[in-house]
N, C-alpha and C. Protein backbone atom coordinates (compact mmCIF):
# COMPACT_ATOMS: atom_id res chain seq x y z
N MET A 1 0.78 -1.15 -0.28
CA MET A 1 -0.28 -0.13 0.18
C MET A 1 1.07 1.22 0.17
N LYS A 2 0.44 2.06 -0.80
CA LYS A 2 1.12 3.60 -0.82
C LYS A 2 0.47 4.81 -0.56
N ILE A 3 0.80 5.20 0.31
CA ILE A 3 0.44 7.17 0.76
C ILE A 3 1.19 7.91 -0.03
N THR A 4 0.38 9.03 -0.83
CA THR A 4 1.23 9.86 -1.48
C THR A 4 0.44 11.20 -0.33
N ILE A 5 1.36 12.11 -0.12
CA ILE A 5 0.68 13.18 0.47
C ILE A 5 0.33 14.37 -0.80
N VAL A 6 -0.65 15.07 -0.80
CA VAL A 6 -0.78 15.45 -2.17
C VAL A 6 -0.95 17.15 -1.63
N TYR A 7 -2.07 17.26 -0.69
CA TYR A 7 -1.53 18.90 0.14
C TYR A 7 -1.29 18.97 1.26
N ASP A 8 -1.12 19.82 1.76
CA ASP A 8 0.13 19.96 2.97
C ASP A 8 0.43 21.38 3.38
N ASN A 9 0.84 21.91 4.62
CA ASN A 9 1.15 22.83 4.73
C ASN A 9 2.98 22.95 4.65
N GLU A 10 2.99 22.39 4.19
CA GLU A 10 4.69 21.92 3.70
C GLU A 10 4.67 21.09 2.76
N VAL A 11 5.88 21.33 1.49
CA VAL A 11 6.54 20.32 0.98
C VAL A 11 7.09 19.75 0.67
N ARG A 12 7.63 18.75 -0.21
CA ARG A 12 8.70 17.84 -0.30
C ARG A 12 9.11 18.18 -1.93
N GLU A 13 8.27 18.36 -2.36
CA GLU A 13 8.99 17.99 -3.33
C GLU A 13 9.22 19.44 -4.18
N VAL A 14 10.08 19.80 -5.45
CA VAL A 14 9.97 20.59 -5.80
C VAL A 14 9.19 21.27 -6.93
N GLY A 15 8.19 22.33 -6.59
CA GLY A 15 7.33 22.61 -8.30
C GLY A 15 5.79 22.19 -7.36
N LEU A 16 5.55 22.02 -6.29
CA LEU A 16 4.66 21.85 -5.88
C LEU A 16 3.96 22.64 -4.84
N ARG A 17 2.82 22.83 -4.41
CA ARG A 17 2.28 24.15 -3.63
C ARG A 17 2.08 23.88 -2.27
N GLN A 18 1.78 24.56 -1.15
CA GLN A 18 1.91 24.16 -0.30
C GLN A 18 0.80 25.02 -0.07
N GLY A 19 -0.46 24.56 1.04
CA GLY A 19 -1.60 25.34 1.81
C GLY A 19 -2.14 24.76 3.01
N TRP A 20 -2.86 25.71 3.83
CA TRP A 20 -3.48 25.06 5.17
C TRP A 20 -4.32 23.96 4.88
N GLY A 21 -3.79 22.84 4.79
CA GLY A 21 -4.97 21.74 4.67
C GLY A 21 -4.10 20.57 4.13
N PHE A 22 -5.01 19.22 4.29
CA PHE A 22 -4.64 18.21 4.05
C PHE A 22 -5.70 17.28 2.94
N SER A 23 -4.42 16.80 2.25
CA SER A 23 -5.07 15.52 1.46
C SER A 23 -4.36 14.43 1.61
N ALA A 24 -4.50 12.95 0.93
CA ALA A 24 -3.73 12.41 0.38
C ALA A 24 -4.32 11.03 -0.02
N LEU A 25 -3.78 10.90 -1.34
CA LEU A 25 -3.83 9.22 -1.92
C LEU A 25 -3.46 7.97 -1.49
N ILE A 26 -4.52 7.33 -1.32
CA ILE A 26 -3.87 5.77 -1.03
C ILE A 26 -4.31 5.12 -2.07
N GLU A 27 -3.17 4.56 -2.92
CA GLU A 27 -2.83 3.12 -3.47
C GLU A 27 -3.08 1.59 -3.39
N ASP A 28 -3.80 0.88 -3.64
CA ASP A 28 -3.56 -0.28 -2.63
C ASP A 28 -3.80 -1.35 -4.04
N THR A 29 -4.21 -2.99 -3.74
CA THR A 29 -4.27 -3.43 -4.92
C THR A 29 -5.29 -3.18 -5.77
N ALA A 30 -6.86 -2.81 -5.08
CA ALA A 30 -7.65 -2.20 -6.11
C ALA A 30 -7.36 -1.31 -7.49
N ALA A 31 -7.98 -1.34 -8.67
CA ALA A 31 -8.36 -0.69 -9.42
C ALA A 31 -7.69 0.83 -9.17
N SER A 32 -9.03 1.58 -8.10
CA SER A 32 -8.66 3.13 -8.77
C SER A 32 -8.54 3.57 -7.46
N PRO A 33 -7.36 4.30 -7.17
CA PRO A 33 -6.88 5.20 -5.88
C PRO A 33 -8.00 5.61 -5.10
N LEU A 34 -8.03 5.76 -3.75
CA LEU A 34 -8.65 6.79 -2.73
C LEU A 34 -7.91 7.55 -2.61
N LEU A 35 -8.68 8.78 -2.47
CA LEU A 35 -8.40 10.25 -1.87
C LEU A 35 -9.33 10.18 -0.43
N PHE A 36 -8.22 10.18 0.40
CA PHE A 36 -8.51 11.12 2.14
C PHE A 36 -9.01 12.59 2.05
N ASP A 37 -9.80 13.39 2.12
CA ASP A 37 -9.48 14.90 2.09
C ASP A 37 -9.64 15.52 1.26
N THR A 38 -9.41 16.91 1.03
CA THR A 38 -8.95 17.22 -0.81
C THR A 38 -8.59 18.92 0.11
N GLY A 39 -7.88 18.80 0.79
CA GLY A 39 -7.16 20.04 1.21
C GLY A 39 -8.27 21.26 0.61
N ALA A 40 -7.87 22.89 1.17
CA ALA A 40 -8.75 23.62 1.33
C ALA A 40 -9.19 24.58 -0.25
N ASP A 41 -8.09 24.28 -1.46
CA ASP A 41 -8.51 24.74 -2.51
C ASP A 41 -8.45 23.88 -3.56
N SER A 42 -9.16 23.96 -4.73
CA SER A 42 -9.27 23.30 -5.59
C SER A 42 -7.72 23.78 -6.25
N PRO A 43 -7.51 24.82 -6.56
CA PRO A 43 -6.39 25.01 -7.31
C PRO A 43 -4.80 24.36 -6.97
N THR A 44 -4.64 25.17 -5.36
CA THR A 44 -3.79 24.00 -4.97
C THR A 44 -3.40 22.69 -5.69
N LEU A 45 -5.01 21.81 -4.81
CA LEU A 45 -4.95 20.53 -5.30
C LEU A 45 -4.29 20.07 -6.62
N LEU A 46 -4.95 20.23 -7.90
CA LEU A 46 -5.32 19.92 -8.75
C LEU A 46 -4.04 20.72 -9.34
N HIS A 47 -3.27 21.47 -9.19
CA HIS A 47 -1.81 21.65 -9.25
C HIS A 47 -0.74 20.53 -9.02
N ASN A 48 -0.77 20.21 -7.55
CA ASN A 48 -0.34 19.59 -7.27
C ASN A 48 -0.43 17.88 -7.35
N MET A 49 -1.80 17.68 -7.78
CA MET A 49 -2.19 16.40 -8.60
C MET A 49 -1.20 15.99 -9.76
N LYS A 50 -1.08 17.16 -10.49
CA LYS A 50 -0.82 16.89 -12.20
C LYS A 50 0.60 16.93 -11.57
N GLU A 51 1.32 17.55 -11.06
CA GLU A 51 3.06 17.29 -11.00
C GLU A 51 2.95 16.24 -10.40
N LEU A 52 2.25 15.44 -9.41
CA LEU A 52 2.56 14.17 -9.04
C LEU A 52 1.89 12.76 -9.71
N ASN A 53 1.07 13.37 -11.31
CA ASN A 53 0.88 12.34 -11.80
C ASN A 53 -0.25 11.78 -12.11
N ILE A 54 -1.35 12.20 -10.73
CA ILE A 54 -2.31 11.98 -10.39
C ILE A 54 -3.59 12.15 -11.43
N ASP A 55 -4.20 11.24 -12.09
CA ASP A 55 -5.46 11.86 -12.67
C ASP A 55 -6.78 11.97 -12.20
N PRO A 56 -7.43 13.14 -11.59
CA PRO A 56 -8.32 13.30 -10.75
C PRO A 56 -9.40 12.53 -11.03
N LYS A 57 -9.58 11.45 -12.92
CA LYS A 57 -10.62 10.51 -12.93
C LYS A 57 -10.97 9.34 -12.31
N ASP A 58 -9.49 9.32 -12.38
CA ASP A 58 -8.96 8.02 -11.81
C ASP A 58 -9.43 7.39 -10.25
N ILE A 59 -9.98 8.34 -9.72
CA ILE A 59 -10.56 8.13 -8.30
C ILE A 59 -11.78 7.34 -7.95
N GLY A 60 -11.68 6.25 -7.06
CA GLY A 60 -12.56 5.32 -7.41
C GLY A 60 -13.66 5.67 -5.56
N ILE A 61 -12.81 6.14 -4.61
CA ILE A 61 -13.43 6.62 -3.77
C ILE A 61 -13.07 7.90 -3.03
N ILE A 62 -13.64 8.69 -2.36
CA ILE A 62 -13.43 10.01 -1.83
C ILE A 62 -13.70 10.25 -0.04
N VAL A 63 -12.71 9.64 0.75
CA VAL A 63 -13.02 10.13 2.32
C VAL A 63 -12.77 11.16 2.89
N ILE A 64 -13.79 12.19 3.41
CA ILE A 64 -13.54 13.01 3.65
C ILE A 64 -13.73 12.90 5.80
N SER A 65 -12.71 13.11 5.87
CA SER A 65 -12.16 13.14 7.86
C SER A 65 -13.03 13.62 8.46
N HIS A 66 -13.80 15.00 8.16
CA HIS A 66 -14.67 16.08 8.76
C HIS A 66 -14.61 17.11 7.67
N ALA A 67 -15.92 18.24 8.21
CA ALA A 67 -16.15 18.84 7.12
C ALA A 67 -15.67 20.39 7.14
N HIS A 68 -14.69 20.49 7.74
CA HIS A 68 -13.91 21.95 7.91
C HIS A 68 -13.36 22.53 7.01
N GLU A 69 -13.12 23.44 6.20
CA GLU A 69 -13.27 23.77 5.29
C GLU A 69 -11.34 23.53 4.51
N ASP A 70 -10.57 23.24 5.01
CA ASP A 70 -9.14 23.04 5.27
C ASP A 70 -9.11 21.35 4.37
N HIS A 71 -9.97 20.87 4.56
CA HIS A 71 -10.40 19.26 4.04
C HIS A 71 -10.74 18.94 3.21
N THR A 72 -12.19 19.69 3.02
CA THR A 72 -12.96 19.58 2.09
C THR A 72 -13.20 20.80 0.77
N GLY A 73 -12.11 21.91 0.82
CA GLY A 73 -12.11 22.69 -0.12
C GLY A 73 -12.09 22.37 -1.33
N GLY A 74 -11.49 21.76 -1.81
CA GLY A 74 -11.34 20.96 -3.36
C GLY A 74 -12.27 19.74 -3.98
N LEU A 75 -13.25 19.30 -2.48
CA LEU A 75 -14.41 18.50 -2.68
C LEU A 75 -14.95 18.85 -4.24
N SER A 76 -15.46 19.86 -4.47
CA SER A 76 -16.14 20.08 -5.45
C SER A 76 -16.28 20.48 -6.74
N GLU A 77 -14.70 20.28 -6.80
CA GLU A 77 -13.80 20.41 -8.07
C GLU A 77 -13.79 18.93 -8.39
N ILE A 78 -13.21 18.42 -7.83
CA ILE A 78 -13.02 17.34 -8.29
C ILE A 78 -14.40 15.96 -8.73
N LEU A 79 -15.22 16.29 -7.59
CA LEU A 79 -16.54 15.58 -8.30
C LEU A 79 -16.90 16.31 -9.50
N ARG A 80 -16.85 17.38 -9.38
CA ARG A 80 -17.24 18.22 -11.08
C ARG A 80 -16.31 16.98 -12.12
N MET A 81 -15.06 16.79 -11.92
CA MET A 81 -13.92 16.04 -12.68
C MET A 81 -14.31 14.49 -12.97
N ASN A 82 -14.92 14.25 -11.88
CA ASN A 82 -14.81 12.96 -11.85
C ASN A 82 -16.18 12.60 -11.28
N GLY A 83 -17.10 11.97 -12.52
CA GLY A 83 -18.25 11.19 -12.32
C GLY A 83 -18.91 10.18 -11.26
N ILE A 84 -17.00 9.45 -11.01
CA ILE A 84 -17.78 8.22 -10.87
C ILE A 84 -17.92 7.83 -9.17
N ALA A 85 -16.77 8.65 -8.51
CA ALA A 85 -16.18 8.64 -6.87
C ALA A 85 -17.51 8.04 -5.97
N GLU A 86 -17.39 7.08 -5.14
CA GLU A 86 -18.23 6.96 -3.96
C GLU A 86 -17.30 7.74 -2.98
N LEU A 87 -18.94 8.44 -2.16
CA LEU A 87 -18.17 9.29 -1.10
C LEU A 87 -18.47 8.47 0.21
N TYR A 88 -17.63 8.52 1.17
CA TYR A 88 -17.61 8.45 2.51
C TYR A 88 -17.41 9.30 3.28
N LEU A 89 -18.62 9.67 4.21
CA LEU A 89 -18.80 11.18 4.82
C LEU A 89 -19.24 10.77 6.56
N PRO A 90 -18.68 11.55 7.11
CA PRO A 90 -18.83 11.34 8.45
C PRO A 90 -20.47 11.86 8.92
N SER A 91 -21.31 11.19 9.56
CA SER A 91 -22.61 11.82 9.66
C SER A 91 -23.01 12.97 9.88
N SER A 92 -21.95 13.73 10.21
CA SER A 92 -22.56 14.82 11.05
C SER A 92 -22.02 16.52 9.54
N PHE A 93 -21.88 15.63 8.35
CA PHE A 93 -21.56 16.04 7.43
C PHE A 93 -22.55 16.83 6.61
N SER A 94 -23.27 18.02 6.41
CA SER A 94 -24.67 18.12 6.14
C SER A 94 -24.74 18.36 4.08
N ARG A 95 -23.59 18.64 3.79
CA ARG A 95 -23.93 18.85 2.44
C ARG A 95 -24.60 17.50 1.88
N ALA A 96 -25.54 17.47 1.03
CA ALA A 96 -26.28 16.52 -0.16
C ALA A 96 -25.27 16.51 -1.77
N PHE A 97 -25.27 15.30 -2.02
CA PHE A 97 -24.64 15.15 -3.44
C PHE A 97 -25.78 14.29 -4.39
N PRO A 98 -26.74 14.85 -4.69
CA PRO A 98 -27.06 13.85 -5.80
C PRO A 98 -27.00 13.44 -6.84
N GLY A 99 -27.72 12.05 -6.47
CA GLY A 99 -27.02 11.19 -7.85
C GLY A 99 -25.53 10.25 -8.17
N ARG A 100 -24.95 10.57 -6.53
CA ARG A 100 -23.58 9.85 -6.05
C ARG A 100 -23.73 9.12 -5.49
N LYS A 101 -23.27 8.23 -5.11
CA LYS A 101 -23.40 6.91 -4.22
C LYS A 101 -22.50 7.21 -3.38
N VAL A 102 -23.31 7.55 -2.17
CA VAL A 102 -22.95 8.35 -0.63
C VAL A 102 -23.05 6.92 0.70
N THR A 103 -21.65 7.48 0.83
CA THR A 103 -21.99 6.59 2.74
C THR A 103 -21.49 7.21 3.89
N MET A 104 -23.09 7.28 4.64
CA MET A 104 -22.54 8.30 5.72
C MET A 104 -22.41 7.51 7.00
N VAL A 105 -21.12 7.91 7.50
CA VAL A 105 -20.34 7.19 8.47
C VAL A 105 -20.63 7.17 9.89
N LYS A 106 -21.25 6.53 10.58
CA LYS A 106 -21.36 6.82 11.94
C LYS A 106 -20.75 5.86 12.90
N GLY A 107 -20.48 4.86 12.51
CA GLY A 107 -19.88 3.88 13.10
C GLY A 107 -18.27 2.96 12.35
N PRO A 108 -17.50 2.24 12.71
CA PRO A 108 -16.56 1.49 12.12
C PRO A 108 -17.59 0.95 11.00
N VAL A 109 -16.58 1.43 9.51
CA VAL A 109 -17.23 0.72 8.70
C VAL A 109 -16.24 0.21 7.81
N GLN A 110 -16.16 -1.23 6.99
CA GLN A 110 -15.01 -1.47 6.43
C GLN A 110 -15.32 -1.02 4.84
N ILE A 111 -14.07 -0.15 4.34
CA ILE A 111 -14.55 0.54 3.20
C ILE A 111 -13.62 -0.10 1.57
N ARG A 112 -12.80 -0.50 1.90
CA ARG A 112 -12.09 -2.05 1.20
C ARG A 112 -11.71 -2.98 1.67
N GLU A 113 -10.86 -3.81 1.28
CA GLU A 113 -10.42 -5.45 2.11
C GLU A 113 -9.79 -4.84 3.01
N ASP A 114 -8.75 -4.13 2.96
CA ASP A 114 -7.62 -3.41 3.97
C ASP A 114 -8.34 -2.14 4.35
N ILE A 115 -8.50 -1.35 3.92
CA ILE A 115 -9.28 0.12 4.06
C ILE A 115 -10.14 0.19 5.37
N PHE A 116 -10.47 0.74 6.55
CA PHE A 116 -11.44 1.27 7.29
C PHE A 116 -11.86 2.24 7.84
N SER A 117 -13.09 2.87 8.16
CA SER A 117 -13.12 3.85 8.85
C SER A 117 -13.50 3.38 10.24
N THR A 118 -12.30 4.65 11.48
CA THR A 118 -13.28 4.43 13.01
C THR A 118 -14.57 4.38 13.23
N GLY A 119 -15.15 4.99 12.25
CA GLY A 119 -16.04 5.26 12.26
C GLY A 119 -15.97 7.09 13.13
N GLU A 120 -17.15 7.76 13.10
CA GLU A 120 -16.73 8.87 13.13
C GLU A 120 -17.00 8.90 14.77
N LEU A 121 -15.79 9.82 14.82
CA LEU A 121 -15.42 9.70 16.67
C LEU A 121 -15.58 10.91 16.94
N GLU A 122 -16.67 10.88 18.35
CA GLU A 122 -16.97 12.07 19.12
C GLU A 122 -17.74 13.60 18.45
N GLY A 123 -18.84 12.69 17.48
CA GLY A 123 -19.23 13.57 16.61
C GLY A 123 -18.59 14.56 16.17
N ILE A 124 -17.45 14.19 15.42
CA ILE A 124 -17.12 15.28 14.24
C ILE A 124 -16.11 14.88 13.24
N GLU A 125 -15.17 13.39 13.29
CA GLU A 125 -14.10 12.99 12.55
C GLU A 125 -13.92 11.75 12.59
N GLN A 126 -13.64 10.83 11.00
CA GLN A 126 -13.87 9.95 10.84
C GLN A 126 -11.85 9.11 10.67
N SER A 127 -11.49 9.02 11.28
CA SER A 127 -9.96 8.55 10.60
C SER A 127 -9.64 7.17 9.94
N LEU A 128 -9.04 6.80 9.53
CA LEU A 128 -8.85 5.44 8.61
C LEU A 128 -7.65 5.04 9.24
N ALA A 129 -8.09 3.12 9.18
CA ALA A 129 -7.26 2.22 9.54
C ALA A 129 -6.74 1.56 8.10
N LEU A 130 -5.89 1.62 8.02
CA LEU A 130 -4.85 0.74 6.63
C LEU A 130 -3.97 -0.83 7.20
N LYS A 131 -4.64 -1.19 6.76
CA LYS A 131 -4.43 -2.83 7.08
C LYS A 131 -3.20 -3.51 6.40
N VAL A 132 -1.88 -3.39 6.54
CA VAL A 132 -0.72 -3.81 6.06
C VAL A 132 -0.20 -4.50 6.77
N ASP A 133 1.00 -5.30 5.95
CA ASP A 133 1.60 -6.68 6.63
C ASP A 133 2.69 -6.45 8.23
N LYS A 134 3.01 -4.86 8.34
CA LYS A 134 3.80 -4.57 9.44
C LYS A 134 2.16 -3.99 10.66
N GLY A 135 1.16 -4.36 10.54
CA GLY A 135 0.10 -3.74 11.42
C GLY A 135 -1.03 -3.15 10.66
N ILE A 136 -1.30 -2.15 11.19
CA ILE A 136 -2.56 -1.22 11.02
C ILE A 136 -2.24 0.34 11.22
N PHE A 137 -1.91 1.09 10.05
CA PHE A 137 -1.53 2.55 10.05
C PHE A 137 -2.71 2.80 10.01
N VAL A 138 -2.97 4.59 10.37
CA VAL A 138 -4.38 5.36 11.00
C VAL A 138 -3.54 6.76 9.95
N LEU A 139 -4.45 6.78 9.62
CA LEU A 139 -4.56 8.38 8.49
C LEU A 139 -5.57 8.95 8.99
N THR A 140 -5.04 10.10 9.73
CA THR A 140 -5.58 11.27 10.24
C THR A 140 -5.97 12.50 9.59
N GLY A 141 -7.56 13.28 9.63
CA GLY A 141 -7.27 15.19 9.38
C GLY A 141 -6.51 15.53 10.05
N CYS A 142 -7.52 15.68 10.99
CA CYS A 142 -6.64 16.82 12.55
C CYS A 142 -6.84 16.43 13.56
N ALA A 143 -7.26 15.27 14.08
CA ALA A 143 -7.27 14.51 15.62
C ALA A 143 -7.95 15.37 16.22
N HIS A 144 -9.47 16.00 15.83
CA HIS A 144 -10.13 16.59 16.45
C HIS A 144 -10.66 15.78 17.88
N PRO A 145 -10.94 14.43 17.75
CA PRO A 145 -10.98 13.62 18.71
C PRO A 145 -10.06 13.27 19.93
N ALA A 146 -10.15 13.05 20.63
CA ALA A 146 -8.83 12.45 21.65
C ALA A 146 -7.84 11.53 20.92
N MET A 147 -6.61 11.52 20.79
CA MET A 147 -5.56 11.02 20.34
C MET A 147 -5.90 9.14 20.74
N GLU A 148 -6.31 9.79 22.03
CA GLU A 148 -6.68 8.01 22.70
C GLU A 148 -8.10 7.09 22.12
N SER A 149 -9.17 8.41 21.78
CA SER A 149 -9.89 7.42 21.22
C SER A 149 -9.69 6.94 19.46
N ILE A 150 -8.93 8.05 19.17
CA ILE A 150 -8.51 7.31 17.42
C ILE A 150 -7.88 6.01 17.79
N LEU A 151 -6.72 6.15 18.01
CA LEU A 151 -5.77 5.14 18.21
C LEU A 151 -7.02 3.64 18.76
N GLY A 152 -7.55 3.92 19.54
CA GLY A 152 -8.15 2.63 20.42
C GLY A 152 -9.13 2.47 19.45
N ALA A 153 -9.95 3.06 18.79
CA ALA A 153 -11.20 2.55 17.69
C ALA A 153 -10.05 1.82 16.05
N ALA A 154 -8.95 2.55 15.80
CA ALA A 154 -8.32 1.97 14.73
C ALA A 154 -7.90 0.66 15.44
N ALA A 155 -7.19 0.47 16.76
CA ALA A 155 -6.59 -0.80 16.93
C ALA A 155 -7.73 -1.82 16.99
N ARG A 156 -8.78 -1.97 16.96
CA ARG A 156 -9.53 -3.18 17.11
C ARG A 156 -9.11 -3.96 15.54
N PHE A 157 -9.00 -3.31 14.83
CA PHE A 157 -8.68 -3.83 13.23
C PHE A 157 -7.43 -4.63 13.34
N GLY A 158 -6.26 -4.78 14.08
CA GLY A 158 -5.19 -5.26 14.75
C GLY A 158 -4.05 -4.12 15.10
N GLU A 159 -3.20 -4.60 15.37
CA GLU A 159 -1.89 -4.27 16.42
C GLU A 159 -1.49 -3.18 15.19
N LEU A 160 -1.30 -1.96 16.21
CA LEU A 160 -0.81 -0.75 15.70
C LEU A 160 0.20 -0.16 15.31
N TYR A 161 0.21 -0.33 13.81
CA TYR A 161 1.97 -0.22 13.67
C TYR A 161 2.49 1.62 13.12
N GLY A 162 1.78 2.27 12.75
CA GLY A 162 1.93 3.62 12.85
C GLY A 162 0.86 4.90 12.56
N ILE A 163 1.12 6.18 12.22
CA ILE A 163 0.20 7.04 11.99
C ILE A 163 0.72 8.35 10.93
N ALA A 164 -0.06 8.95 10.71
CA ALA A 164 0.00 10.09 9.78
C ALA A 164 -1.40 11.07 9.86
N GLY A 165 -1.00 12.41 9.68
CA GLY A 165 -1.70 13.33 9.52
C GLY A 165 -1.96 14.40 9.77
N GLY A 166 -2.38 15.00 10.31
CA GLY A 166 -2.69 16.22 11.61
C GLY A 166 -3.41 15.52 12.76
N PHE A 167 -2.68 15.87 13.43
CA PHE A 167 -2.92 16.03 15.07
C PHE A 167 -3.24 16.96 16.25
N HIS A 168 -2.88 17.99 14.85
CA HIS A 168 -3.72 19.51 16.24
C HIS A 168 -2.60 19.95 17.34
N GLY A 169 -3.55 20.20 18.49
CA GLY A 169 -3.14 20.67 19.33
C GLY A 169 -2.59 19.45 20.50
N PHE A 170 -2.02 18.08 20.16
CA PHE A 170 -1.88 16.51 20.76
C PHE A 170 -1.00 16.90 21.29
N CYS A 171 -1.02 16.12 22.95
CA CYS A 171 0.54 16.38 23.50
C CYS A 171 0.97 15.24 24.38
N ASP A 172 0.29 14.48 24.74
CA ASP A 172 -0.18 13.34 25.56
C ASP A 172 0.84 12.37 24.75
N PHE A 173 2.48 12.21 24.55
CA PHE A 173 2.93 11.76 23.19
C PHE A 173 2.64 10.44 23.51
N LYS A 174 3.08 10.11 25.23
CA LYS A 174 3.08 8.49 25.59
C LYS A 174 2.11 7.49 24.87
N VAL A 175 1.32 7.91 24.19
CA VAL A 175 0.32 7.13 23.69
C VAL A 175 0.71 6.79 22.12
N PHE A 176 1.49 7.79 21.97
CA PHE A 176 2.61 6.90 20.35
C PHE A 176 3.64 5.71 21.13
N ASN A 177 3.65 5.73 22.17
CA ASN A 177 4.50 4.63 22.62
C ASN A 177 4.56 3.03 21.96
N GLY A 178 5.19 2.80 21.67
CA GLY A 178 5.16 1.36 20.84
C GLY A 178 4.71 1.62 19.40
N LEU A 179 4.71 2.30 18.10
CA LEU A 179 4.36 2.88 17.05
C LEU A 179 5.88 2.72 16.31
N SER A 180 5.73 2.37 15.65
CA SER A 180 7.00 2.42 14.50
C SER A 180 7.51 3.42 13.81
N LEU A 181 6.15 4.58 13.25
CA LEU A 181 6.01 5.44 12.46
C LEU A 181 5.59 6.23 12.62
N ILE A 182 6.03 7.25 12.87
CA ILE A 182 5.04 9.05 13.49
C ILE A 182 5.64 9.55 12.14
N CYS A 183 3.91 10.17 11.75
CA CYS A 183 3.99 11.25 10.27
C CYS A 183 3.64 12.81 10.82
N PRO A 184 3.40 13.72 11.54
CA PRO A 184 2.94 14.60 11.68
C PRO A 184 2.97 15.64 10.59
N CYS A 185 1.39 15.93 10.44
CA CYS A 185 1.54 16.51 9.14
C CYS A 185 0.69 17.44 9.80
N HIS A 186 0.00 18.32 8.75
CA HIS A 186 -0.70 19.72 8.39
C HIS A 186 -0.62 20.32 9.81
N CYS A 187 -1.84 20.41 10.76
CA CYS A 187 -1.92 21.31 11.75
C CYS A 187 -1.38 20.75 13.16
N THR A 188 -0.40 19.62 12.91
CA THR A 188 0.18 19.57 14.34
C THR A 188 0.69 20.92 15.21
N THR A 189 0.73 21.22 15.90
CA THR A 189 1.44 21.72 16.86
C THR A 189 2.57 21.70 17.20
N TYR A 190 3.21 20.41 17.53
CA TYR A 190 3.99 19.65 18.16
C TYR A 190 5.13 18.95 17.92
N LYS A 191 5.02 19.37 16.50
CA LYS A 191 5.58 18.63 15.24
C LYS A 191 7.49 18.39 15.95
N GLN A 192 7.94 19.23 16.92
CA GLN A 192 9.77 19.10 16.85
C GLN A 192 9.64 18.66 18.07
N GLU A 193 8.72 18.99 19.04
CA GLU A 193 8.61 17.33 19.96
C GLU A 193 8.59 16.50 19.99
N ILE A 194 7.75 15.93 18.45
CA ILE A 194 7.71 14.36 18.34
C ILE A 194 8.58 14.40 17.98
N ARG A 195 9.15 15.18 16.89
CA ARG A 195 10.91 14.73 16.43
C ARG A 195 12.19 14.63 17.40
N ASP A 196 11.38 15.40 18.41
CA ASP A 196 12.88 14.90 19.18
C ASP A 196 12.65 13.74 20.19
N LEU A 197 11.07 13.31 20.19
CA LEU A 197 11.09 12.11 21.25
C LEU A 197 11.22 10.79 20.55
N PHE A 198 11.03 11.10 19.25
CA PHE A 198 10.92 9.76 18.63
C PHE A 198 11.79 9.83 17.66
N GLY A 199 12.81 10.78 17.16
CA GLY A 199 14.03 10.47 16.68
C GLY A 199 13.54 9.47 15.38
N ASP A 200 14.11 8.62 14.98
CA ASP A 200 13.87 8.57 13.80
C ASP A 200 13.16 7.33 13.34
N LYS A 201 11.92 7.60 14.05
CA LYS A 201 11.21 6.94 13.83
C LYS A 201 9.99 7.93 13.41
N THR A 202 10.44 9.17 13.20
CA THR A 202 9.62 10.38 12.55
C THR A 202 9.47 10.86 11.13
N LEU A 203 8.46 10.95 10.59
CA LEU A 203 8.76 11.31 9.16
C LEU A 203 8.66 12.47 8.72
N GLU A 204 8.74 13.82 8.20
CA GLU A 204 9.39 14.38 7.91
C GLU A 204 8.20 14.56 6.91
N CYS A 205 6.65 15.43 7.07
CA CYS A 205 5.79 15.19 6.34
C CYS A 205 5.62 16.63 5.16
N GLY A 206 5.07 16.43 3.79
CA GLY A 206 4.70 17.51 3.44
C GLY A 206 4.84 17.09 1.96
N ALA A 207 3.75 17.54 0.91
CA ALA A 207 3.01 17.95 -0.11
C ALA A 207 4.22 16.37 -1.21
N GLY A 208 4.07 15.88 -1.20
CA GLY A 208 4.99 15.11 -2.49
C GLY A 208 5.65 13.55 -1.59
N LEU A 209 5.13 13.72 -0.30
CA LEU A 209 5.91 12.19 0.52
C LEU A 209 5.33 11.73 0.48
N VAL A 210 6.01 10.18 0.03
CA VAL A 210 5.37 8.99 -0.13
C VAL A 210 6.08 8.09 1.06
N ILE A 211 4.97 7.39 1.11
CA ILE A 211 5.19 6.79 2.21
C ILE A 211 4.56 5.13 1.72
N GLU A 212 5.83 4.22 1.72
CA GLU A 212 5.68 2.87 1.11
C GLU A 212 5.04 2.32 2.57
N LEU A 213 3.97 1.39 2.54
CA LEU A 213 3.61 0.30 3.10
C LEU A 213 3.34 -1.04 3.20
C-alpha cells in the first residue's frame, strides 16, 4: 500500500504548492485509488495532482475526515471532474450530493478489503485504519477527537504500526509509545517535540511525501 501526501502546509518536492489543509492519496491492490480529504482549495490540490501524475478521473473513492474547509475545499471541483467516485462522509456532514453514491459514516465501517473507517468519533471526525503487513497504519485529518480515541478505534482492526496526518494540539505523547512510524502533518502543533522524542521513527511530512507500507 502506498500513501502520497497531495496537500499539506509544507512541501517535500520542488514544483508543488503548500496550503493550510490536508489531502492524501492511497493506492492499494484495488484498480482505483482512494483520496482522503481534498485540501483547502482546488487550484492547489489540482496543481499538485498534476505534478504528481495523479488523474482526478481515476479516483474511485473519496473519504472526508470532517467537514472543515481545510479538508473539503477541493471536493466540489474533484466531483465535477470525476463522475464515478463514491463518497464516505462523517454523519455530521450536512451537504447533499444528488446522484452520487454516498455512505454516511457513524460507526466503524469497512471501505475496502484492507481499508477501514474508525467511524465518526466524538461527533466530528473519522480516521482511516489501513491494514498492512506490519500492522495497522492510521491516517487522520486533524485529530479533533482525543488521540486515545482514534488509536483505540483503529486498534480494533489489529496491532497498531504507525500514524500520519494532522494531530492538532495533541501533546500526550506517551500514547505513541510502541508505534514504529509517526508522521505529523498539517495542523500538528508540536511537530518538533515529536521529532525530538521519537527520532528516526518520525517522518517529515509535506506535499510529495510517499509512504510505502
